[in-house]
Amino acid sequence: MARIAGVPASRAGAFVRYAYRMAKRLTGKVPEPLTIVAHNPWIFRAYSAYEYALGRATTVDKRLKTLAGLKAAALVGCPF
């Protein structure tokens, strides 16, 4: 649980609502870090650009990237 409340879709701008929709489509729910970062538009844009570039990267196989992400999440105890 985060220390601050995330930005709900009803109070978010158009770009943030679009990102929420895409995240919900991909993961089934809107990740909490995305709602927290939405408080600052510049950081949200940078975070979104980073995630987009990471998804488009093709140097490493997609399956291996997913496996590495799951392993990293398990090591830090991430429930998501």
PDB file of N, CA and C in Angstrom:
ATOM      1  N   MET A   1       0.830  -1.172   0.000  1.00  0.00           N
ATOM      2  CA  MET A   1       0.000   0.000   0.000  1.00  0.00           C
ATOM      3  C   MET A   1       0.881   1.244   0.000  1.00  0.00           C
ATOM      4  N   ALA A   2       0.545   2.188  -0.856  1.00  0.00           N
ATOM      5  CA  ALA A   2       1.320   3.415  -0.987  1.00  0.00           C
ATOM      6  C   ALA A   2       0.975   4.397   0.130  1.00  0.00           C
ATOM      7  N   ARG A   3       1.900   5.309   0.392  1.00  0.00           N
ATOM      8  CA  ARG A   3       1.674   6.324   1.412  1.00  0.00           C
ATOM      9  C   ARG A   3       0.696   7.381   0.954  1.00  0.00           C
ATOM     10  N   ILE A   4       0.643   7.613  -0.356  1.00  0.00           N
ATOM     11  CA  ILE A   4      -0.301   8.598  -0.887  1.00  0.00           C
ATOM     12  C   ILE A   4      -1.289   7.888  -1.799  1.00  0.00           C
ATOM     13  N   ALA A   5      -2.451   8.489  -1.925  1.00  0.00           N
ATOM     14  CA  ALA A   5      -3.481   7.895  -2.787  1.00  0.00           C
ATOM     15  C   ALA A   5      -3.153   8.191  -4.247  1.00  0.00           C
ATOM     16  N   GLY A   6      -3.449   7.249  -5.102  1.00  0.00           N
ATOM     17  CA  GLY A   6      -3.237   7.440  -6.524  1.00  0.00           C
ATOM     18  C   GLY A   6      -4.287   8.360  -7.120  1.00  0.00           C
ATOM     19  N   VAL A   7      -4.050   8.785  -8.344  1.00  0.00           N
ATOM     20  CA  VAL A   7      -4.991   9.649  -9.049  1.00  0.00           C
ATOM     21  C   VAL A   7      -6.080   8.773  -9.666  1.00  0.00           C
ATOM     22  N   PRO A   8      -7.346   8.967  -9.270  1.00  0.00           N
ATOM     23  CA  PRO A   8      -8.423   8.171  -9.867  1.00  0.00           C
ATOM     24  C   PRO A   8      -8.677   8.601 -11.312  1.00  0.00           C
ATOM     25  N   ALA A   9      -9.230   7.729 -12.098  1.00  0.00           N
ATOM     26  CA  ALA A   9      -9.490   8.030 -13.511  1.00  0.00           C
ATOM     27  C   ALA A   9     -10.441   9.210 -13.672  1.00  0.00           C
ATOM     28  N   SER A  10     -11.324   9.420 -12.706  1.00  0.00           N
ATOM     29  CA  SER A  10     -12.275  10.529 -12.811  1.00  0.00           C
ATOM     30  C   SER A  10     -11.593  11.889 -12.704  1.00  0.00           C
ATOM     31  N   ARG A  11     -10.428  11.964 -12.045  1.00  0.00           N
ATOM     32  CA  ARG A  11      -9.707  13.221 -11.904  1.00  0.00           C
ATOM     33  C   ARG A  11      -8.510  13.325 -12.830  1.00  0.00           C
ATOM     34  N   ALA A  12      -8.258  12.306 -13.614  1.00  0.00           N
ATOM     35  CA  ALA A  12      -7.073  12.262 -14.470  1.00  0.00           C
ATOM     36  C   ALA A  12      -7.334  12.940 -15.811  1.00  0.00           C
ATOM     37  N   GLY A  13      -6.250  13.365 -16.445  1.00  0.00           N
ATOM     38  CA  GLY A  13      -6.338  13.955 -17.769  1.00  0.00           C
ATOM     39  C   GLY A  13      -6.519  12.882 -18.833  1.00  0.00           C
ATOM     40  N   ALA A  14      -6.626  13.330 -20.076  1.00  0.00           N
ATOM     41  CA  ALA A  14      -6.898  12.413 -21.188  1.00  0.00           C
ATOM     42  C   ALA A  14      -5.769  11.403 -21.385  1.00  0.00           C
ATOM     43  N   PHE A  15      -4.517  11.871 -21.337  1.00  0.00           N
ATOM     44  CA  PHE A  15      -3.382  10.970 -21.548  1.00  0.00           C
ATOM     45  C   PHE A  15      -3.293   9.926 -20.435  1.00  0.00           C
ATOM     46  N   VAL A  16      -3.552  10.344 -19.202  1.00  0.00           N
ATOM     47  CA  VAL A  16      -3.500   9.421 -18.064  1.00  0.00           C
ATOM     48  C   VAL A  16      -4.628   8.395 -18.160  1.00  0.00           C
ATOM     49  N   ARG A  17      -5.822   8.837 -18.533  1.00  0.00           N
ATOM     50  CA  ARG A  17      -6.939   7.888 -18.694  1.00  0.00           C
ATOM     51  C   ARG A  17      -6.632   6.870 -19.788  1.00  0.00           C
ATOM     52  N   TYR A  18      -6.005   7.330 -20.874  1.00  0.00           N
ATOM     53  CA  TYR A  18      -5.616   6.419 -21.954  1.00  0.00           C
ATOM     54  C   TYR A  18      -4.597   5.391 -21.440  1.00  0.00           C
ATOM     55  N   ALA A  19      -3.621   5.863 -20.671  1.00  0.00           N
ATOM     56  CA  ALA A  19      -2.613   4.955 -20.121  1.00  0.00           C
ATOM     57  C   ALA A  19      -3.257   3.962 -19.150  1.00  0.00           C
ATOM     58  N   TYR A  20      -4.207   4.428 -18.354  1.00  0.00           N
ATOM     59  CA  TYR A  20      -4.929   3.530 -17.448  1.00  0.00           C
ATOM     60  C   TYR A  20      -5.654   2.442 -18.239  1.00  0.00           C
ATOM     61  N   ARG A  21      -6.312   2.835 -19.329  1.00  0.00           N
ATOM     62  CA  ARG A  21      -7.040   1.869 -20.156  1.00  0.00           C
ATOM     63  C   ARG A  21      -6.097   0.819 -20.735  1.00  0.00           C
ATOM     64  N   MET A  22      -4.943   1.270 -21.252  1.00  0.00           N
ATOM     65  CA  MET A  22      -3.974   0.337 -21.836  1.00  0.00           C
ATOM     66  C   MET A  22      -3.401  -0.596 -20.763  1.00  0.00           C
ATOM     67  N   ALA A  23      -3.105  -0.053 -19.597  1.00  0.00           N
ATOM     68  CA  ALA A  23      -2.568  -0.883 -18.517  1.00  0.00           C
ATOM     69  C   ALA A  23      -3.599  -1.909 -18.073  1.00  0.00           C
ATOM     70  N   LYS A  24      -4.851  -1.483 -17.991  1.00  0.00           N
ATOM     71  CA  LYS A  24      -5.901  -2.414 -17.582  1.00  0.00           C
ATOM     72  C   LYS A  24      -6.092  -3.509 -18.622  1.00  0.00           C
ATOM     73  N   ARG A  25      -5.948  -3.152 -19.881  1.00  0.00           N
ATOM     74  CA  ARG A  25      -6.079  -4.146 -20.949  1.00  0.00           C
ATOM     75  C   ARG A  25      -4.947  -5.175 -20.872  1.00  0.00           C
ATOM     76  N   LEU A  26      -3.736  -4.711 -20.559  1.00  0.00           N
ATOM     77  CA  LEU A  26      -2.583  -5.608 -20.526  1.00  0.00           C
ATOM     78  C   LEU A  26      -2.504  -6.448 -19.255  1.00  0.00           C
ATOM     79  N   THR A  27      -2.849  -5.862 -18.106  1.00  0.00           N
ATOM     80  CA  THR A  27      -2.631  -6.565 -16.844  1.00  0.00           C
ATOM     81  C   THR A  27      -3.911  -6.937 -16.108  1.00  0.00           C
ATOM     82  N   GLY A  28      -5.044  -6.429 -16.538  1.00  0.00           N
ATOM     83  CA  GLY A  28      -6.294  -6.739 -15.862  1.00  0.00           C
ATOM     84  C   GLY A  28      -6.682  -5.724 -14.808  1.00  0.00           C
ATOM     85  N   LYS A  29      -5.736  -4.894 -14.385  1.00  0.00           N
ATOM     86  CA  LYS A  29      -6.022  -3.810 -13.443  1.00  0.00           C
ATOM     87  C   LYS A  29      -4.979  -2.709 -13.633  1.00  0.00           C
ATOM     88  N   VAL A  30      -5.253  -1.555 -13.085  1.00  0.00           N
ATOM     89  CA  VAL A  30      -4.315  -0.441 -13.207  1.00  0.00           C
ATOM     90  C   VAL A  30      -3.279  -0.585 -12.098  1.00  0.00           C
ATOM     91  N   PRO A  31      -1.998  -0.716 -12.444  1.00  0.00           N
ATOM     92  CA  PRO A  31      -0.972  -0.870 -11.418  1.00  0.00           C
ATOM     93  C   PRO A  31      -0.875   0.374 -10.526  1.00  0.00           C
ATOM     94  N   GLU A  32      -0.672   0.158  -9.249  1.00  0.00           N
ATOM     95  CA  GLU A  32      -0.605   1.268  -8.294  1.00  0.00           C
ATOM     96  C   GLU A  32       0.520   2.254  -8.605  1.00  0.00           C
ATOM     97  N   PRO A  33       1.724   1.802  -9.018  1.00  0.00           N
ATOM     98  CA  PRO A  33       2.767   2.786  -9.339  1.00  0.00           C
ATOM     99  C   PRO A  33       2.340   3.763 -10.440  1.00  0.00           C
ATOM    100  N   LEU A  34       1.546   3.300 -11.365  1.00  0.00           N
ATOM    101  CA  LEU A  34       1.076   4.175 -12.442  1.00  0.00           C
ATOM    102  C   LEU A  34       0.162   5.264 -11.894  1.00  0.00           C
ATOM    103  N   THR A  35      -0.697   4.928 -10.956  1.00  0.00           N
ATOM    104  CA  THR A  35      -1.600   5.930 -10.389  1.00  0.00           C
ATOM    105  C   THR A  35      -0.849   6.925  -9.514  1.00  0.00           C
ATOM    106  N   ILE A  36       0.212   6.486  -8.859  1.00  0.00           N
ATOM    107  CA  ILE A  36       1.008   7.379  -8.021  1.00  0.00           C
ATOM    108  C   ILE A  36       1.806   8.347  -8.887  1.00  0.00           C
ATOM    109  N   VAL A  37       2.414   7.846  -9.934  1.00  0.00           N
ATOM    110  CA  VAL A  37       3.226   8.683 -10.820  1.00  0.00           C
ATOM    111  C   VAL A  37       2.358   9.707 -11.555  1.00  0.00           C
ATOM    112  N   ALA A  38       1.072   9.436 -11.685  1.00  0.00           N
ATOM    113  CA  ALA A  38       0.170  10.339 -12.395  1.00  0.00           C
ATOM    114  C   ALA A  38      -0.004  11.682 -11.686  1.00  0.00           C
ATOM    115  N   HIS A  39       0.476  11.809 -10.462  1.00  0.00           N
ATOM    116  CA  HIS A  39       0.401  13.089  -9.749  1.00  0.00           C
ATOM    117  C   HIS A  39       1.254  14.160 -10.439  1.00  0.00           C
ATOM    118  N   ASN A  40       2.359  13.752 -11.046  1.00  0.00           N
ATOM    119  CA  ASN A  40       3.257  14.698 -11.698  1.00  0.00           C
ATOM    120  C   ASN A  40       3.278  14.410 -13.201  1.00  0.00           C
ATOM    121  N   PRO A  41       2.770  15.345 -14.022  1.00  0.00           N
ATOM    122  CA  PRO A  41       2.672  15.084 -15.463  1.00  0.00           C
ATOM    123  C   PRO A  41       4.010  14.794 -16.135  1.00  0.00           C
ATOM    124  N   TRP A  42       5.081  15.493 -15.747  1.00  0.00           N
ATOM    125  CA  TRP A  42       6.381  15.280 -16.392  1.00  0.00           C
ATOM    126  C   TRP A  42       6.947  13.907 -16.052  1.00  0.00           C
ATOM    127  N   ILE A  43       6.832  13.524 -14.810  1.00  0.00           N
ATOM    128  CA  ILE A  43       7.320  12.203 -14.417  1.00  0.00           C
ATOM    129  C   ILE A  43       6.465  11.113 -15.049  1.00  0.00           C
ATOM    130  N   PHE A  44       5.160  11.358 -15.144  1.00  0.00           N
ATOM    131  CA  PHE A  44       4.277  10.376 -15.774  1.00  0.00           C
ATOM    132  C   PHE A  44       4.644  10.166 -17.239  1.00  0.00           C
ATOM    133  N   ARG A  45       4.929  11.259 -17.943  1.00  0.00           N
ATOM    134  CA  ARG A  45       5.329  11.137 -19.356  1.00  0.00           C
ATOM    135  C   ARG A  45       6.636  10.377 -19.490  1.00  0.00           C
ATOM    136  N   ALA A  46       7.604  10.676 -18.622  1.00  0.00           N
ATOM    137  CA  ALA A  46       8.893   9.979 -18.679  1.00  0.00           C
ATOM    138  C   ALA A  46       8.726   8.497 -18.352  1.00  0.00           C
ATOM    139  N   TYR A  47       7.917   8.205 -17.348  1.00  0.00           N
ATOM    140  CA  TYR A  47       7.653   6.815 -16.955  1.00  0.00           C
ATOM    141  C   TYR A  47       6.969   6.056 -18.095  1.00  0.00           C
ATOM    142  N   SER A  48       6.005   6.706 -18.724  1.00  0.00           N
ATOM    143  CA  SER A  48       5.289   6.082 -19.840  1.00  0.00           C
ATOM    144  C   SER A  48       6.221   5.842 -21.022  1.00  0.00           C
ATOM    145  N   ALA A  49       7.086   6.820 -21.319  1.00  0.00           N
ATOM    146  CA  ALA A  49       8.031   6.663 -22.422  1.00  0.00           C
ATOM    147  C   ALA A  49       9.007   5.526 -22.152  1.00  0.00           C
ATOM    148  N   TYR A  50       9.455   5.423 -20.914  1.00  0.00           N
ATOM    149  CA  TYR A  50      10.364   4.345 -20.542  1.00  0.00           C
ATOM    150  C   TYR A  50       9.700   2.985 -20.712  1.00  0.00           C
ATOM    151  N   GLU A  51       8.477   2.853 -20.207  1.00  0.00           N
ATOM    152  CA  GLU A  51       7.763   1.585 -20.322  1.00  0.00           C
ATOM    153  C   GLU A  51       7.484   1.228 -21.784  1.00  0.00           C
ATOM    154  N   TYR A  52       7.161   2.237 -22.588  1.00  0.00           N
ATOM    155  CA  TYR A  52       6.919   2.007 -24.015  1.00  0.00           C
ATOM    156  C   TYR A  52       8.199   1.512 -24.692  1.00  0.00           C
ATOM    157  N   ALA A  53       9.312   2.195 -24.422  1.00  0.00           N
ATOM    158  CA  ALA A  53      10.586   1.806 -25.031  1.00  0.00           C
ATOM    159  C   ALA A  53      11.013   0.416 -24.571  1.00  0.00           C
ATOM    160  N   LEU A  54      10.777   0.113 -23.308  1.00  0.00           N
ATOM    161  CA  LEU A  54      11.121  -1.205 -22.787  1.00  0.00           C
ATOM    162  C   LEU A  54      10.308  -2.295 -23.481  1.00  0.00           C
ATOM    163  N   GLY A  55       9.046  -2.015 -23.728  1.00  0.00           N
ATOM    164  CA  GLY A  55       8.204  -2.982 -24.421  1.00  0.00           C
ATOM    165  C   GLY A  55       8.574  -3.168 -25.883  1.00  0.00           C
ATOM    166  N   ARG A  56       9.098  -2.120 -26.496  1.00  0.00           N
ATOM    167  CA  ARG A  56       9.472  -2.189 -27.909  1.00  0.00           C
ATOM    168  C   ARG A  56      10.886  -2.723 -28.143  1.00  0.00           C
ATOM    169  N   ALA A  57      11.688  -2.827 -27.103  1.00  0.00           N
ATOM    170  CA  ALA A  57      13.062  -3.292 -27.241  1.00  0.00           C
ATOM    171  C   ALA A  57      13.080  -4.731 -27.745  1.00  0.00           C
ATOM    172  N   THR A  58      13.951  -5.000 -28.694  1.00  0.00           N
ATOM    173  CA  THR A  58      13.988  -6.334 -29.298  1.00  0.00           C
ATOM    174  C   THR A  58      15.344  -7.019 -29.175  1.00  0.00           C
ATOM    175  N   THR A  59      16.279  -6.434 -28.429  1.00  0.00           N
ATOM    176  CA  THR A  59      17.590  -7.052 -28.288  1.00  0.00           C
ATOM    177  C   THR A  59      17.491  -8.383 -27.551  1.00  0.00           C
ATOM    178  N   VAL A  60      16.658  -8.415 -26.531  1.00  0.00           N
ATOM    179  CA  VAL A  60      16.447  -9.631 -25.743  1.00  0.00           C
ATOM    180  C   VAL A  60      15.067 -10.182 -26.088  1.00  0.00           C
ATOM    181  N   ASP A  61      14.958 -11.495 -26.141  1.00  0.00           N
ATOM    182  CA  ASP A  61      13.696 -12.155 -26.437  1.00  0.00           C
ATOM    183  C   ASP A  61      12.619 -11.748 -25.426  1.00  0.00           C
ATOM    184  N   LYS A  62      11.386 -11.570 -25.900  1.00  0.00           N
ATOM    185  CA  LYS A  62      10.283 -11.130 -25.036  1.00  0.00           C
ATOM    186  C   LYS A  62      10.048 -12.105 -23.882  1.00  0.00           C
ATOM    187  N   ARG A  63      10.160 -13.380 -24.159  1.00  0.00           N
ATOM    188  CA  ARG A  63       9.951 -14.388 -23.116  1.00  0.00           C
ATOM    189  C   ARG A  63      10.998 -14.263 -22.014  1.00  0.00           C
ATOM    190  N   LEU A  64      12.247 -14.004 -22.410  1.00  0.00           N
ATOM    191  CA  LEU A  64      13.320 -13.852 -21.435  1.00  0.00           C
ATOM    192  C   LEU A  64      13.132 -12.570 -20.603  1.00  0.00           C
ATOM    193  N   LYS A  65      12.667 -11.481 -21.239  1.00  0.00           N
ATOM    194  CA  LYS A  65      12.394 -10.241 -20.503  1.00  0.00           C
ATOM    195  C   LYS A  65      11.300 -10.464 -19.465  1.00  0.00           C
ATOM    196  N   THR A  66      10.261 -11.183 -19.836  1.00  0.00           N
ATOM    197  CA  THR A  66       9.169 -11.465 -18.908  1.00  0.00           C
ATOM    198  C   THR A  66       9.653 -12.314 -17.746  1.00  0.00           C
ATOM    199  N   LEU A  67      10.447 -13.319 -18.040  1.00  0.00           N
ATOM    200  CA  LEU A  67      10.994 -14.179 -16.999  1.00  0.00           C
ATOM    201  C   LEU A  67      11.893 -13.390 -16.042  1.00  0.00           C
ATOM    202  N   ALA A  68      12.720 -12.498 -16.583  1.00  0.00           N
ATOM    203  CA  ALA A  68      13.593 -11.671 -15.740  1.00  0.00           C
ATOM    204  C   ALA A  68      12.763 -10.728 -14.868  1.00  0.00           C
ATOM    205  N   GLY A  69      11.690 -10.183 -15.414  1.00  0.00           N
ATOM    206  CA  GLY A  69      10.815  -9.313 -14.630  1.00  0.00           C
ATOM    207  C   GLY A  69      10.143 -10.056 -13.492  1.00  0.00           C
ATOM    208  N   LEU A  70       9.697 -11.269 -13.763  1.00  0.00           N
ATOM    209  CA  LEU A  70       9.073 -12.087 -12.722  1.00  0.00           C
ATOM    210  C   LEU A  70      10.073 -12.461 -11.629  1.00  0.00           C
ATOM    211  N   LYS A  71      11.282 -12.784 -12.031  1.00  0.00           N
ATOM    212  CA  LYS A  71      12.322 -13.138 -11.054  1.00  0.00           C
ATOM    213  C   LYS A  71      12.682 -11.942 -10.179  1.00  0.00           C
ATOM    214  N   ALA A  72      12.808 -10.767 -10.791  1.00  0.00           N
ATOM    215  CA  ALA A  72      13.112  -9.558 -10.027  1.00  0.00           C
ATOM    216  C   ALA A  72      11.981  -9.239  -9.054  1.00  0.00           C
ATOM    217  N   ALA A  73      10.747  -9.394  -9.489  1.00  0.00           N
ATOM    218  CA  ALA A  73       9.601  -9.139  -8.614  1.00  0.00           C
ATOM    219  C   ALA A  73       9.580 -10.120  -7.454  1.00  0.00           C
ATOM    220  N   ALA A  74       9.918 -11.359  -7.726  1.00  0.00           N
ATOM    221  CA  ALA A  74       9.934 -12.364  -6.656  1.00  0.00           C
ATOM    222  C   ALA A  74      11.052 -12.073  -5.653  1.00  0.00           C
ATOM    223  N   LEU A  75      12.197 -11.591  -6.136  1.00  0.00           N
ATOM    224  CA  LEU A  75      13.311 -11.304  -5.240  1.00  0.00           C
ATOM    225  C   LEU A  75      13.005 -10.161  -4.285  1.00  0.00           C
ATOM    226  N   VAL A  76      12.265  -9.159  -4.741  1.00  0.00           N
ATOM    227  CA  VAL A  76      11.954  -8.012  -3.876  1.00  0.00           C
ATOM    228  C   VAL A  76      10.627  -8.192  -3.141  1.00  0.00           C
ATOM    229  N   GLY A  77       9.913  -9.266  -3.418  1.00  0.00           N
ATOM    230  CA  GLY A  77       8.657  -9.538  -2.722  1.00  0.00           C
ATOM    231  C   GLY A  77       7.489  -8.734  -3.252  1.00  0.00           C
ATOM    232  N   CYS A  78       7.477  -8.420  -4.519  1.00  0.00           N
ATOM    233  CA  CYS A  78       6.408  -7.651  -5.129  1.00  0.00           C
ATOM    234  C   CYS A  78       5.160  -8.511  -5.282  1.00  0.00           C
ATOM    235  N   PRO A  79       4.023  -8.091  -4.722  1.00  0.00           N
ATOM    236  CA  PRO A  79       2.808  -8.898  -4.837  1.00  0.00           C
ATOM    237  C   PRO A  79       2.120  -8.773  -6.191  1.00  0.00           C
ATOM    238  N   PHE A  80       2.531  -7.801  -7.011  1.00  0.00           N
ATOM    239  CA  PHE A  80       1.869  -7.562  -8.295  1.00  0.00           C
ATOM    240  C   PHE A  80       2.447  -8.457  -9.304  1.00  0.00           C
TER     241      PHE A  80
END
